[in-house]
Amino acid sequence: MDPMIFMDPELAREESMEKIYQLMEEKKYFLVRDEFLKYNDADIAEMFEELLMEPDLLERTIVVYRLLPKAVSVEVFAYLPSDDQLKIVDGITDKELSYIIAELDFDDKIDILEELPATLVDKILEKTPKDERRLINTFLNYPDNCAGSLMTPDYISLEKEWTVERALKHIKEVGMDAETVYTCYVKDTGRKLIGIISLSTLVTSNDNERIMNLMHTDYVYVNVYDDQEDVSEDFKKYGFLAMPVVDKEHRLVGIITVDDILDVIEDENTEDIERMAGIIDLEQSDKEYLDKSVFHHVKARLPWLLAMMVSLMVTGAIITRFEEVLSKVVVLVSYMPLLMGMGGNTGSQASTLIIRGISLEEVEPEDTLQILWKELRVSLCIGCILSVFNFAKIIFIDGESVFIASTVCISMILVITFAKCLGGMVPMAAKKLGADPALMANPVIASLTDMVSVLIYFLMATLILGL
């Protein structure tokens, strides 16, 4: 019995990769192919990704790829990221590429053609049947990030007059080429969508029952020009595996399946995380971190950092303004990082929760006053609890006076209150103005709280210590 059956899958792949590297060095390409074929297509693609990262092994990796069985090579190609697909394209013949493109699912085919150079796309389309070429051109012309760019025309359509028996026979005939067989779509004259019916309904119904009597007419659909983020929200809301896409005349033009939406959700989450971290990616590149150039990283990060630097300059000016206060009570300096850090962290906490609430449609601009009232109470509770601990530490461990402890702790309560209210209000204000709340990034909120923290701290020192 093969010992790999009982081995941890990750460990098994690691051992296989070590073996593959060794066989590649020895140029035993058929043995490398046999090692790959022990795994499923998705795992093979992941292993190829690792090999394609090695420039010295690129040519040998292409050789191995060309040795894969045709059916496997097509599936592996579909799983690879676009950059790796282009590396494969550069190393195989036009005939091999044409075969891969022809065998791919339609939505994967469109994704790949969008990435290829225009001259190569033209060459592929020349060898494509006229009807399919027209369909491909239609899909390629849809704007990026809309439902039309995600859909596939490979769905099962039925006619309302058909019986269940005829419908099941039709599904058996065309099901292998469809993206999904679990939901079928009923069209009227002129390709207009009039209803949907599930496979489970068909297989449990009487053979002589007509489709029109079984189909659901209160279905959910999306328009071909709907934004992909709105489409992903619909998938999350209803939990569908597939959703029909219609044009302005309600003609069925395709369907979107959940596997494509998972990619959209990942892209949108990545974009939101980058924005919240103060990274502006104007090109919306889908490249991975290591694949992006140094210039790309600099361009994405620099704008917010420049804005933050100006903010910190203002903070420095405030500190200079109160230089006389610091010179009289030098110990105040040691507590400044504590207050500034707590302000930034608590503000970021609040903004992150509110941005998440906005993205999940849990809160709306109309809830602004409720959010402010809740954050005010939360901040006062947190500020008072943290201040009690800090008061005891400053008195009993640091050995400072009650006045110093009071200055630091009262300042902490005010700073946390301001930061949490600011973190809750800024995203809501952005939403009300029609801006993207994620653009009001946490570093910006942290910079604002730094300025206010220093100002509050020195004002409290002036009032309590009489400086």
Protein backbone atom coordinates (compact mmCIF):
# COMPACT_ATOMS: atom_id res chain seq x y z
CA MET A 1 0.00 0.00 0.00
CA ASP A 2 1.24 3.48 -0.86
CA PRO A 3 2.53 5.10 2.38
CA MET A 4 1.52 8.54 1.02
CA ILE A 5 -2.13 7.59 1.61
CA PHE A 6 -1.61 7.98 5.36
CA MET A 7 0.68 11.01 5.10
CA ASP A 8 -0.40 14.57 5.81
CA PRO A 9 -1.31 16.12 2.38
CA GLU A 10 0.92 19.16 2.90
CA LEU A 11 3.85 17.01 3.95
CA ALA A 12 3.28 14.69 0.98
CA ARG A 13 3.35 17.64 -1.44
CA GLU A 14 6.52 18.98 0.15
CA GLU A 15 8.25 15.62 -0.30
CA SER A 16 6.99 15.44 -3.87
CA MET A 17 8.32 18.92 -4.60
CA GLU A 18 11.75 17.95 -3.28
CA LYS A 19 11.67 14.90 -5.54
CA ILE A 20 10.48 17.01 -8.50
CA TYR A 21 13.31 19.52 -8.06
CA GLN A 22 15.82 16.69 -8.04
CA LEU A 23 14.31 15.05 -11.13
CA MET A 24 14.21 18.41 -12.92
CA GLU A 25 17.94 18.86 -12.31
CA GLU A 26 18.51 15.39 -13.75
CA LYS A 27 16.22 16.25 -16.71
CA LYS A 28 14.04 13.21 -16.07
CA TYR A 29 10.93 14.98 -17.31
CA PHE A 30 8.66 11.95 -17.71
CA LEU A 31 9.28 10.98 -14.08
CA VAL A 32 8.46 14.56 -13.07
CA ARG A 33 5.19 14.30 -15.00
CA ASP A 34 4.34 11.01 -13.27
CA GLU A 35 4.97 12.65 -9.88
CA PHE A 36 2.60 15.49 -10.76
CA LEU A 37 -0.12 13.09 -11.88
CA LYS A 38 -0.40 11.68 -8.35
CA TYR A 39 -2.32 14.84 -7.43
CA ASN A 40 -5.52 16.56 -8.50
CA ASP A 41 -5.53 19.45 -10.96
CA ALA A 42 -5.71 22.22 -8.35
CA ASP A 43 -2.73 20.80 -6.43
CA ILE A 44 -0.73 20.36 -9.64
CA ALA A 45 -1.36 24.03 -10.50
CA GLU A 46 -0.16 25.07 -7.04
CA MET A 47 3.01 23.02 -7.49
CA PHE A 48 3.57 24.52 -10.94
CA GLU A 49 3.24 28.00 -9.42
CA GLU A 50 6.21 27.21 -7.19
CA LEU A 51 8.29 26.00 -10.13
CA LEU A 52 7.36 28.99 -12.30
CA MET A 53 8.76 31.32 -9.63
CA GLU A 54 12.24 29.94 -10.39
CA PRO A 55 13.64 31.74 -13.49
CA ASP A 56 16.37 29.09 -13.89
CA LEU A 57 13.75 26.33 -14.13
CA LEU A 58 11.26 28.13 -16.40
CA GLU A 59 12.20 26.33 -19.64
CA ARG A 60 12.27 22.92 -17.95
CA THR A 61 8.90 23.63 -16.28
CA ILE A 62 7.38 24.41 -19.69
CA VAL A 63 8.75 21.10 -21.01
CA VAL A 64 7.04 19.22 -18.17
CA TYR A 65 3.80 21.13 -18.72
CA ARG A 66 3.77 20.09 -22.39
CA LEU A 67 4.14 16.46 -21.31
CA LEU A 68 0.95 16.53 -19.22
CA PRO A 69 -2.11 14.79 -20.67
CA LYS A 70 -4.16 17.30 -22.66
CA ALA A 71 -7.17 17.19 -20.36
CA VAL A 72 -4.96 17.76 -17.30
CA SER A 73 -3.00 20.60 -18.94
CA VAL A 74 -6.23 22.47 -19.67
CA GLU A 75 -7.48 22.20 -16.09
CA VAL A 76 -4.09 23.13 -14.61
CA PHE A 77 -3.91 26.16 -16.92
CA ALA A 78 -7.31 27.34 -15.69
CA TYR A 79 -6.17 27.18 -12.04
CA LEU A 80 -2.96 29.15 -12.61
CA PRO A 81 -2.86 32.92 -11.90
CA SER A 82 -2.73 35.17 -14.97
CA ASP A 83 1.00 35.93 -14.70
CA ASP A 84 1.86 32.23 -14.72
CA GLN A 85 -0.56 31.61 -17.57
CA LEU A 86 1.34 34.16 -19.65
CA LYS A 87 4.61 32.37 -18.88
CA ILE A 88 3.06 29.13 -20.15
CA VAL A 89 1.70 30.88 -23.25
CA ASP A 90 5.18 32.20 -24.09
CA GLY A 91 6.60 28.68 -23.97
CA ILE A 92 4.08 26.61 -25.93
CA THR A 93 3.10 26.57 -29.59
CA ASP A 94 0.13 28.42 -31.07
CA LYS A 95 -1.50 25.07 -31.81
CA GLU A 96 -1.19 23.98 -28.17
CA LEU A 97 -2.55 27.34 -26.98
CA SER A 98 -5.50 27.14 -29.37
CA TYR A 99 -6.35 23.69 -28.01
CA ILE A 100 -6.23 24.93 -24.40
CA ILE A 101 -8.40 27.97 -25.17
CA ALA A 102 -10.91 25.83 -27.06
CA GLU A 103 -11.24 23.33 -24.18
CA LEU A 104 -11.57 25.85 -21.34
CA ASP A 105 -14.92 26.78 -19.79
CA PHE A 106 -16.22 29.92 -21.46
CA ASP A 107 -15.77 32.23 -18.46
CA ASP A 108 -12.19 31.02 -17.94
CA LYS A 109 -11.59 31.50 -21.67
CA ILE A 110 -12.69 35.15 -21.45
CA ASP A 111 -10.51 35.79 -18.39
CA ILE A 112 -7.45 34.45 -20.19
CA LEU A 113 -8.11 36.28 -23.48
CA GLU A 114 -8.38 39.54 -21.54
CA GLU A 115 -4.83 39.03 -20.28
CA LEU A 116 -3.20 37.97 -23.55
CA PRO A 117 -1.57 40.43 -25.99
CA ALA A 118 -3.98 41.74 -28.65
CA THR A 119 -1.98 40.21 -31.52
CA LEU A 120 -2.19 36.77 -29.93
CA VAL A 121 -5.91 37.15 -29.23
CA ASP A 122 -6.50 38.06 -32.87
CA LYS A 123 -4.57 34.99 -33.96
CA ILE A 124 -6.66 32.73 -31.68
CA LEU A 125 -9.95 34.28 -32.77
CA GLU A 126 -9.05 33.72 -36.43
CA LYS A 127 -9.21 29.97 -35.79
CA THR A 128 -12.42 30.19 -33.75
CA PRO A 129 -15.83 29.40 -35.31
CA LYS A 130 -17.73 32.51 -36.38
CA ASP A 131 -20.60 32.21 -33.90
CA GLU A 132 -18.26 31.63 -30.97
CA ARG A 133 -15.99 34.47 -32.12
CA ARG A 134 -18.94 36.86 -32.13
CA LEU A 135 -19.91 35.73 -28.63
CA ILE A 136 -16.34 36.11 -27.34
CA ASN A 137 -16.08 39.64 -28.74
CA THR A 138 -19.36 40.55 -27.04
CA PHE A 139 -18.08 39.33 -23.68
CA LEU A 140 -14.69 41.01 -24.11
CA ASN A 141 -16.42 44.35 -24.67
CA TYR A 142 -18.18 44.36 -21.31
CA PRO A 143 -16.62 46.83 -18.83
CA ASP A 144 -14.36 45.42 -16.14
CA ASN A 145 -15.94 44.82 -12.74
CA CYS A 146 -19.50 44.43 -14.07
CA ALA A 147 -21.67 41.31 -14.07
CA GLY A 148 -21.14 40.84 -17.80
CA SER A 149 -17.41 40.33 -17.30
CA LEU A 150 -18.07 37.48 -14.84
CA MET A 151 -20.83 35.50 -16.55
CA THR A 152 -20.75 32.45 -18.77
CA PRO A 153 -23.20 31.48 -21.55
CA ASP A 154 -22.86 27.80 -20.65
CA TYR A 155 -26.19 27.29 -18.90
CA ILE A 156 -29.13 24.92 -19.41
CA SER A 157 -32.26 26.51 -20.84
CA LEU A 158 -35.65 24.85 -21.07
CA GLU A 159 -38.94 25.71 -22.76
CA LYS A 160 -42.09 26.21 -20.72
CA GLU A 161 -44.14 23.79 -22.87
CA TRP A 162 -41.74 20.90 -22.30
CA THR A 163 -42.60 18.00 -20.04
CA VAL A 164 -40.33 16.94 -17.21
CA GLU A 165 -39.35 13.85 -19.20
CA ARG A 166 -38.18 15.90 -22.17
CA ALA A 167 -36.38 18.38 -19.90
CA LEU A 168 -34.40 15.61 -18.20
CA LYS A 169 -33.49 14.14 -21.56
CA HIS A 170 -32.23 17.55 -22.68
CA ILE A 171 -30.16 17.93 -19.50
CA LYS A 172 -28.50 14.57 -20.15
CA GLU A 173 -27.63 15.68 -23.68
CA VAL A 174 -26.10 19.09 -22.85
CA GLY A 175 -25.31 18.83 -19.14
CA MET A 176 -21.62 17.97 -19.54
CA ASP A 177 -21.00 21.28 -21.34
CA ALA A 178 -22.97 23.41 -18.88
CA GLU A 179 -21.43 25.33 -16.00
CA THR A 180 -24.05 23.90 -13.65
CA VAL A 181 -26.99 21.49 -13.93
CA TYR A 182 -28.52 22.23 -10.53
CA THR A 183 -30.54 25.20 -11.78
CA CYS A 184 -32.17 25.45 -15.22
CA TYR A 185 -33.58 28.56 -16.84
CA VAL A 186 -36.87 28.83 -18.69
CA LYS A 187 -36.95 31.25 -21.63
CA ASP A 188 -39.85 32.59 -23.63
CA THR A 189 -39.78 33.83 -27.23
CA GLY A 190 -37.05 36.38 -27.79
CA ARG A 191 -34.80 34.70 -25.17
CA LYS A 192 -36.62 36.49 -22.33
CA LEU A 193 -36.20 34.83 -18.94
CA ILE A 194 -39.56 33.86 -17.47
CA GLY A 195 -38.65 31.41 -14.71
CA ILE A 196 -36.18 29.02 -13.10
CA ILE A 197 -36.46 25.40 -12.01
CA SER A 198 -34.11 23.25 -9.95
CA LEU A 199 -32.86 19.81 -10.90
CA SER A 200 -34.22 18.44 -7.63
CA THR A 201 -37.71 19.62 -8.64
CA LEU A 202 -37.40 17.91 -12.01
CA VAL A 203 -36.21 14.53 -10.71
CA THR A 204 -38.94 14.38 -8.07
CA SER A 205 -41.83 15.43 -10.35
CA ASN A 206 -44.15 13.43 -12.62
CA ASP A 207 -42.67 12.82 -16.07
CA ASN A 208 -45.74 14.27 -17.81
CA GLU A 209 -45.85 17.48 -15.77
CA ARG A 210 -45.14 20.63 -17.79
CA ILE A 211 -42.28 22.96 -16.91
CA MET A 212 -44.60 26.01 -16.79
CA ASN A 213 -46.45 24.44 -13.86
CA LEU A 214 -43.29 23.79 -11.84
CA MET A 215 -41.04 26.77 -12.51
CA HIS A 216 -40.55 29.66 -10.08
CA THR A 217 -41.35 33.08 -11.50
CA ASP A 218 -40.22 35.07 -8.43
CA TYR A 219 -36.52 34.48 -9.09
CA VAL A 220 -33.58 36.76 -8.30
CA TYR A 221 -31.49 38.08 -11.20
CA VAL A 222 -28.85 40.71 -11.94
CA ASN A 223 -28.38 43.11 -14.84
CA VAL A 224 -25.43 42.67 -17.14
CA TYR A 225 -24.02 46.09 -16.12
CA ASP A 226 -24.47 45.68 -12.34
CA ASP A 227 -21.28 46.23 -10.36
CA GLN A 228 -19.55 42.98 -9.38
CA GLU A 229 -19.48 44.00 -5.72
CA ASP A 230 -23.27 44.38 -5.72
CA VAL A 231 -23.53 40.96 -7.36
CA SER A 232 -21.33 39.41 -4.67
CA GLU A 233 -23.61 40.94 -2.01
CA ASP A 234 -26.60 39.25 -3.68
CA PHE A 235 -24.79 35.89 -3.61
CA LYS A 236 -24.00 36.29 0.08
CA LYS A 237 -27.55 37.40 0.85
CA TYR A 238 -29.35 34.56 -0.95
CA GLY A 239 -26.74 31.79 -0.80
CA PHE A 240 -27.17 30.82 -4.45
CA LEU A 241 -24.79 28.61 -6.43
CA ALA A 242 -25.65 30.47 -9.65
CA MET A 243 -27.58 33.57 -10.67
CA PRO A 244 -29.04 34.58 -14.07
CA VAL A 245 -27.80 37.72 -15.85
CA VAL A 246 -30.21 39.65 -18.08
CA ASP A 247 -29.92 42.69 -20.36
CA LYS A 248 -32.14 45.79 -20.29
CA GLU A 249 -34.84 43.92 -22.22
CA HIS A 250 -34.75 41.06 -19.69
CA ARG A 251 -33.17 38.64 -22.16
CA LEU A 252 -31.06 35.95 -20.55
CA VAL A 253 -27.44 36.50 -21.64
CA GLY A 254 -25.60 34.30 -19.17
CA ILE A 255 -25.21 33.09 -15.59
CA ILE A 256 -22.71 33.82 -12.83
CA THR A 257 -21.57 30.94 -10.65
CA VAL A 258 -20.36 31.06 -7.08
CA ASP A 259 -16.76 30.12 -7.93
CA ASP A 260 -16.38 33.38 -9.88
CA ILE A 261 -17.94 35.34 -7.02
CA LEU A 262 -15.43 33.90 -4.55
CA ASP A 263 -12.68 35.52 -6.64
CA VAL A 264 -14.57 38.83 -6.59
CA ILE A 265 -15.00 38.70 -2.81
CA GLU A 266 -11.28 38.03 -2.38
CA ASP A 267 -10.39 40.95 -4.68
CA GLU A 268 -12.80 43.34 -2.95
CA ASN A 269 -11.58 42.36 0.53
CA THR A 270 -7.97 42.85 -0.56
CA GLU A 271 -8.85 46.28 -1.94
CA ASP A 272 -10.60 47.31 1.29
CA ILE A 273 -7.72 46.11 3.46
CA GLU A 274 -5.20 48.03 1.33
CA ARG A 275 -7.26 51.19 1.50
CA MET A 276 -7.71 50.92 5.25
CA ALA A 277 -3.94 50.58 5.53
CA GLY A 278 -3.44 53.74 3.48
CA ILE A 279 -2.41 52.02 0.22
CA ILE A 280 -3.81 53.65 -2.92
CA ASP A 281 -3.65 51.23 -5.84
CA LEU A 282 -4.94 53.30 -8.76
CA GLU A 283 -4.30 50.47 -11.20
CA GLN A 284 -6.22 47.94 -9.09
CA SER A 285 -3.56 45.39 -9.93
CA ASP A 286 -4.39 41.75 -9.22
CA LYS A 287 -0.73 40.82 -8.99
CA GLU A 288 0.58 39.25 -5.81
CA TYR A 289 2.90 41.11 -3.45
CA LEU A 290 6.16 39.63 -4.75
CA ASP A 291 5.14 40.13 -8.39
CA LYS A 292 4.65 43.90 -8.02
CA SER A 293 7.60 46.16 -8.78
CA VAL A 294 9.27 48.40 -6.20
CA PHE A 295 7.97 51.45 -8.09
CA HIS A 296 4.40 50.08 -7.89
CA HIS A 297 4.68 49.69 -4.09
CA VAL A 298 6.16 53.18 -3.71
CA LYS A 299 3.41 54.77 -5.82
CA ALA A 300 0.68 52.95 -3.87
CA ARG A 301 1.94 53.85 -0.40
CA LEU A 302 3.50 57.31 -0.78
CA PRO A 303 0.40 59.59 -1.03
CA TRP A 304 -1.06 58.76 2.39
CA LEU A 305 2.40 58.75 3.99
CA LEU A 306 3.01 62.28 2.70
CA ALA A 307 -0.33 63.37 4.18
CA MET A 308 0.56 61.70 7.46
CA MET A 309 3.96 63.39 7.49
CA VAL A 310 2.31 66.81 7.22
CA SER A 311 0.00 65.83 10.08
CA LEU A 312 2.96 64.79 12.22
CA MET A 313 4.67 68.10 11.43
CA VAL A 314 1.65 69.87 12.93
CA THR A 315 1.93 67.58 15.97
CA GLY A 316 5.59 68.58 16.29
CA ALA A 317 4.63 72.25 16.12
CA ILE A 318 2.17 71.73 18.98
CA ILE A 319 4.87 70.10 21.09
CA THR A 320 7.24 73.01 20.35
CA ARG A 321 4.51 75.46 21.40
CA PHE A 322 4.37 73.79 24.82
CA GLU A 323 8.13 73.38 25.14
CA GLU A 324 8.14 75.54 28.28
CA VAL A 325 5.67 73.21 29.96
CA LEU A 326 7.87 70.21 29.16
CA SER A 327 10.96 71.93 30.49
CA LYS A 328 9.29 72.48 33.87
CA VAL A 329 7.90 68.94 34.21
CA VAL A 330 10.16 66.70 32.09
CA VAL A 331 8.42 63.52 33.25
CA LEU A 332 5.40 64.44 31.10
CA VAL A 333 7.41 63.44 28.02
CA SER A 334 7.57 59.79 29.09
CA TYR A 335 3.75 59.46 28.98
CA MET A 336 3.24 61.03 25.55
CA PRO A 337 3.78 57.80 23.57
CA LEU A 338 1.21 56.07 25.80
CA LEU A 339 -1.50 58.64 25.07
CA MET A 340 -0.75 58.90 21.35
CA GLY A 341 -0.67 55.12 20.98
CA MET A 342 -3.93 54.61 22.84
CA GLY A 343 -5.61 57.31 20.73
CA GLY A 344 -4.50 55.76 17.45
CA ASN A 345 -5.39 52.21 18.47
CA THR A 346 -8.83 52.98 19.85
CA GLY A 347 -9.68 55.16 16.85
CA SER A 348 -8.63 52.40 14.46
CA GLN A 349 -10.73 49.86 16.39
CA ALA A 350 -13.86 51.96 16.01
CA SER A 351 -13.30 52.80 12.33
CA THR A 352 -12.62 49.16 11.43
CA LEU A 353 -15.87 48.02 13.06
CA ILE A 354 -17.91 50.77 11.40
CA ILE A 355 -16.39 50.15 7.95
CA ARG A 356 -17.19 46.46 8.34
CA GLY A 357 -20.74 47.37 9.38
CA ILE A 358 -21.13 49.59 6.33
CA SER A 359 -19.82 46.93 3.95
CA LEU A 360 -22.23 44.35 5.41
CA GLU A 361 -25.07 46.91 5.38
CA GLU A 362 -25.47 46.59 9.16
CA VAL A 363 -25.34 50.38 9.61
CA GLU A 364 -26.51 53.30 7.46
CA PRO A 365 -25.89 57.08 7.59
CA GLU A 366 -29.25 57.42 9.36
CA ASP A 367 -27.70 55.54 12.32
CA THR A 368 -25.00 58.20 12.87
CA LEU A 369 -26.40 59.58 16.13
CA GLN A 370 -26.93 56.06 17.51
CA ILE A 371 -23.34 55.17 16.63
CA LEU A 372 -22.02 58.36 18.23
CA TRP A 373 -23.99 57.69 21.43
CA LYS A 374 -22.81 54.07 21.57
CA GLU A 375 -19.14 54.94 20.89
CA LEU A 376 -19.30 57.71 23.50
CA ARG A 377 -20.45 55.26 26.18
CA VAL A 378 -17.98 52.58 25.07
CA SER A 379 -15.09 55.04 25.09
CA LEU A 380 -15.94 56.39 28.54
CA CYS A 381 -16.07 52.86 29.98
CA ILE A 382 -12.79 51.83 28.35
CA GLY A 383 -11.11 55.15 29.19
CA CYS A 384 -12.09 54.98 32.87
CA ILE A 385 -10.97 51.34 33.25
CA LEU A 386 -7.59 51.95 31.60
CA SER A 387 -7.10 55.18 33.56
CA VAL A 388 -7.63 53.40 36.90
CA PHE A 389 -4.81 50.96 36.07
CA ASN A 390 -2.55 53.77 34.85
CA PHE A 391 -3.29 55.93 37.90
CA ALA A 392 -2.19 53.09 40.22
CA LYS A 393 0.92 52.42 38.14
CA ILE A 394 2.00 56.09 38.06
CA ILE A 395 1.52 56.50 41.83
CA PHE A 396 2.81 53.20 43.20
CA ILE A 397 5.34 52.03 40.58
CA ASP A 398 6.57 55.24 38.95
CA GLY A 399 6.42 57.15 42.23
CA GLU A 400 4.95 60.31 40.70
CA SER A 401 2.57 62.77 42.32
CA VAL A 402 -1.20 62.61 42.27
CA PHE A 403 -1.21 65.69 40.02
CA ILE A 404 0.96 63.99 37.38
CA ALA A 405 -1.21 60.85 37.56
CA SER A 406 -4.38 62.93 37.27
CA THR A 407 -3.00 64.82 34.26
CA VAL A 408 -2.15 61.59 32.42
CA CYS A 409 -5.34 59.73 33.31
CA ILE A 410 -7.82 62.53 32.63
CA SER A 411 -6.04 63.13 29.33
CA MET A 412 -6.34 59.42 28.53
CA ILE A 413 -10.10 59.43 29.08
CA LEU A 414 -10.54 62.48 26.84
CA VAL A 415 -8.19 61.14 24.15
CA ILE A 416 -9.90 57.73 23.99
CA THR A 417 -13.32 59.37 23.89
CA PHE A 418 -12.28 61.67 21.04
CA ALA A 419 -10.53 58.88 19.09
CA LYS A 420 -13.42 56.42 19.29
CA CYS A 421 -16.00 59.02 18.32
CA LEU A 422 -13.78 60.16 15.44
CA GLY A 423 -13.23 56.55 14.32
CA GLY A 424 -16.98 55.98 14.32
CA MET A 425 -17.98 59.24 12.63
CA VAL A 426 -15.43 59.57 9.81
CA PRO A 427 -16.56 56.44 7.89
CA MET A 428 -20.22 57.43 8.33
CA ALA A 429 -19.50 60.96 7.04
CA ALA A 430 -17.69 59.49 4.02
CA LYS A 431 -20.63 57.19 3.32
CA LYS A 432 -23.10 60.08 3.53
CA LEU A 433 -21.00 62.15 1.10
CA GLY A 434 -20.89 59.25 -1.36
CA ALA A 435 -17.18 58.53 -0.82
CA ASP A 436 -15.63 55.15 -0.10
CA PRO A 437 -15.42 54.79 3.74
CA ALA A 438 -12.36 52.55 3.37
CA LEU A 439 -10.46 55.50 1.89
CA MET A 440 -10.66 57.22 5.28
CA ALA A 441 -7.82 54.95 6.26
CA ASN A 442 -6.79 54.06 9.79
CA PRO A 443 -3.38 55.79 9.45
CA VAL A 444 -5.18 59.07 8.75
CA ILE A 445 -7.39 58.68 11.83
CA ALA A 446 -4.29 57.80 13.87
CA SER A 447 -2.55 60.98 12.67
CA LEU A 448 -5.50 63.16 13.65
CA THR A 449 -5.71 61.56 17.08
CA ASP A 450 -1.96 62.12 17.56
CA MET A 451 -2.44 65.86 17.08
CA VAL A 452 -5.46 66.05 19.37
CA SER A 453 -3.82 63.76 21.97
CA VAL A 454 -0.82 66.07 22.32
CA LEU A 455 -3.04 69.15 22.46
CA ILE A 456 -5.34 67.65 25.12
CA TYR A 457 -2.36 66.43 27.15
CA PHE A 458 -0.66 69.81 27.33
CA LEU A 459 -3.89 71.66 28.02
CA MET A 460 -4.58 69.30 30.95
CA ALA A 461 -1.01 69.79 32.19
CA THR A 462 -1.49 73.57 32.04
CA LEU A 463 -4.79 73.41 33.94
CA ILE A 464 -3.97 70.75 36.56
CA LEU A 465 -0.29 71.51 37.19
CA GLY A 466 -0.77 75.28 36.86
CA LEU A 467 2.09 75.63 34.34
